[in-house]
Amino acid sequence: MSTRQTIRRKEWFDDGALWRDLYPFIFPERRFADAAEEIDKVLALTKIKGGSVLDLCCGPGRSSIWNMQVSRM
């Protein structure tokens, strides 16, 4: 078994300052406020009745926050 590590080149998304600076523009408070209505619409359109929800970790968790508040996870 090799103990050699592969060194990865730093990418643009590795810059924490970028995400801190852009966060308010990419994820404004309004998007969090709209999450409940958007999720309810998706559930109505798909006719899902109960079960579990899997958040695919894309973004700051606005859907997860709402789903946890209504115990869907």
C-alpha atoms as a PDB file:
ATOM      1  CA  MET A   1       0.000   0.000   0.000  1.00  0.00           C
ATOM      2  CA  SER A   2       1.424   3.354  -1.012  1.00  0.00           C
ATOM      3  CA  THR A   3       1.581   6.233   1.461  1.00  0.00           C
ATOM      4  CA  ARG A   4       2.231   8.774  -1.265  1.00  0.00           C
ATOM      5  CA  GLN A   5      -0.290  11.607  -1.392  1.00  0.00           C
ATOM      6  CA  THR A   6      -1.470  13.316  -4.519  1.00  0.00           C
ATOM      7  CA  ILE A   7      -1.176  17.086  -4.313  1.00  0.00           C
ATOM      8  CA  ARG A   8      -4.147  18.806  -5.854  1.00  0.00           C
ATOM      9  CA  ARG A   9      -3.780  22.163  -7.554  1.00  0.00           C
ATOM     10  CA  LYS A  10      -5.748  24.942  -5.847  1.00  0.00           C
ATOM     11  CA  GLU A  11      -8.953  25.733  -7.740  1.00  0.00           C
ATOM     12  CA  TRP A  12     -11.058  28.908  -7.803  1.00  0.00           C
ATOM     13  CA  PHE A  13     -13.660  27.365  -5.479  1.00  0.00           C
ATOM     14  CA  ASP A  14     -11.028  26.711  -2.799  1.00  0.00           C
ATOM     15  CA  ASP A  15     -10.881  30.430  -2.005  1.00  0.00           C
ATOM     16  CA  GLY A  16     -12.884  30.991   1.197  1.00  0.00           C
ATOM     17  CA  ALA A  17     -12.871  34.776   0.710  1.00  0.00           C
ATOM     18  CA  LEU A  18     -14.688  34.350  -2.602  1.00  0.00           C
ATOM     19  CA  TRP A  19     -17.568  32.495  -0.930  1.00  0.00           C
ATOM     20  CA  ARG A  20     -17.740  34.932   1.992  1.00  0.00           C
ATOM     21  CA  ASP A  21     -17.898  37.890  -0.378  1.00  0.00           C
ATOM     22  CA  LEU A  22     -20.403  36.378  -2.809  1.00  0.00           C
ATOM     23  CA  TYR A  23     -22.652  34.619  -0.284  1.00  0.00           C
ATOM     24  CA  PRO A  24     -25.081  37.557   0.173  1.00  0.00           C
ATOM     25  CA  PHE A  25     -25.559  37.769  -3.603  1.00  0.00           C
ATOM     26  CA  ILE A  26     -25.824  34.051  -4.311  1.00  0.00           C
ATOM     27  CA  PHE A  27     -27.953  33.196  -1.267  1.00  0.00           C
ATOM     28  CA  PRO A  28     -29.900  36.305  -0.185  1.00  0.00           C
ATOM     29  CA  GLU A  29     -32.301  36.007   2.754  1.00  0.00           C
ATOM     30  CA  ARG A  30     -35.206  36.029   0.286  1.00  0.00           C
ATOM     31  CA  ARG A  31     -34.108  32.628  -1.063  1.00  0.00           C
ATOM     32  CA  PHE A  32     -34.357  31.152   2.427  1.00  0.00           C
ATOM     33  CA  ALA A  33     -37.770  32.762   2.916  1.00  0.00           C
ATOM     34  CA  ASP A  34     -38.989  31.302  -0.405  1.00  0.00           C
ATOM     35  CA  ALA A  35     -37.805  27.772   0.403  1.00  0.00           C
ATOM     36  CA  ALA A  36     -40.995  26.710   2.181  1.00  0.00           C
ATOM     37  CA  GLU A  37     -43.265  27.717  -0.696  1.00  0.00           C
ATOM     38  CA  GLU A  38     -40.968  26.157  -3.298  1.00  0.00           C
ATOM     39  CA  ILE A  39     -40.761  22.844  -1.441  1.00  0.00           C
ATOM     40  CA  ASP A  40     -44.521  22.736  -0.945  1.00  0.00           C
ATOM     41  CA  LYS A  41     -44.990  23.309  -4.697  1.00  0.00           C
ATOM     42  CA  VAL A  42     -42.551  20.501  -5.567  1.00  0.00           C
ATOM     43  CA  LEU A  43     -44.364  18.136  -3.210  1.00  0.00           C
ATOM     44  CA  ALA A  44     -47.738  19.089  -4.693  1.00  0.00           C
ATOM     45  CA  LEU A  45     -46.503  18.644  -8.272  1.00  0.00           C
ATOM     46  CA  THR A  46     -44.881  15.279  -7.563  1.00  0.00           C
ATOM     47  CA  LYS A  47     -47.773  14.088  -5.369  1.00  0.00           C
ATOM     48  CA  ILE A  48     -45.324  12.711  -2.798  1.00  0.00           C
ATOM     49  CA  LYS A  49     -47.123  11.722   0.399  1.00  0.00           C
ATOM     50  CA  GLY A  50     -44.717  11.221   3.305  1.00  0.00           C
ATOM     51  CA  GLY A  51     -41.398   9.479   3.377  1.00  0.00           C
ATOM     52  CA  SER A  52     -37.878  10.799   3.757  1.00  0.00           C
ATOM     53  CA  VAL A  53     -36.042  13.605   2.019  1.00  0.00           C
ATOM     54  CA  LEU A  54     -32.441  13.525   0.829  1.00  0.00           C
ATOM     55  CA  ASP A  55     -30.696  16.876   0.518  1.00  0.00           C
ATOM     56  CA  LEU A  56     -27.952  16.570  -2.087  1.00  0.00           C
ATOM     57  CA  CYS A  57     -25.784  19.232  -0.446  1.00  0.00           C
ATOM     58  CA  CYS A  58     -26.027  21.836  -3.140  1.00  0.00           C
ATOM     59  CA  GLY A  59     -25.898  25.217  -1.458  1.00  0.00           C
ATOM     60  CA  PRO A  60     -26.256  26.452   2.107  1.00  0.00           C
ATOM     61  CA  GLY A  61     -29.022  24.061   3.144  1.00  0.00           C
ATOM     62  CA  ARG A  62     -32.088  26.247   2.732  1.00  0.00           C
ATOM     63  CA  SER A  63     -34.208  23.222   1.810  1.00  0.00           C
ATOM     64  CA  SER A  64     -32.794  21.180   4.683  1.00  0.00           C
ATOM     65  CA  ILE A  65     -33.610  23.922   7.156  1.00  0.00           C
ATOM     66  CA  TRP A  66     -37.255  23.998   6.077  1.00  0.00           C
ATOM     67  CA  ASN A  67     -37.559  20.209   5.905  1.00  0.00           C
ATOM     68  CA  MET A  68     -36.150  19.883   9.428  1.00  0.00           C
ATOM     69  CA  GLN A  69     -38.630  22.462  10.713  1.00  0.00           C
ATOM     70  CA  VAL A  70     -41.527  20.399   9.401  1.00  0.00           C
ATOM     71  CA  SER A  71     -39.853  17.063  10.282  1.00  0.00           C
ATOM     72  CA  ARG A  72     -39.475  15.720   6.766  1.00  0.00           C
ATOM     73  CA  MET A  73     -35.927  14.480   7.350  1.00  0.00           C
END
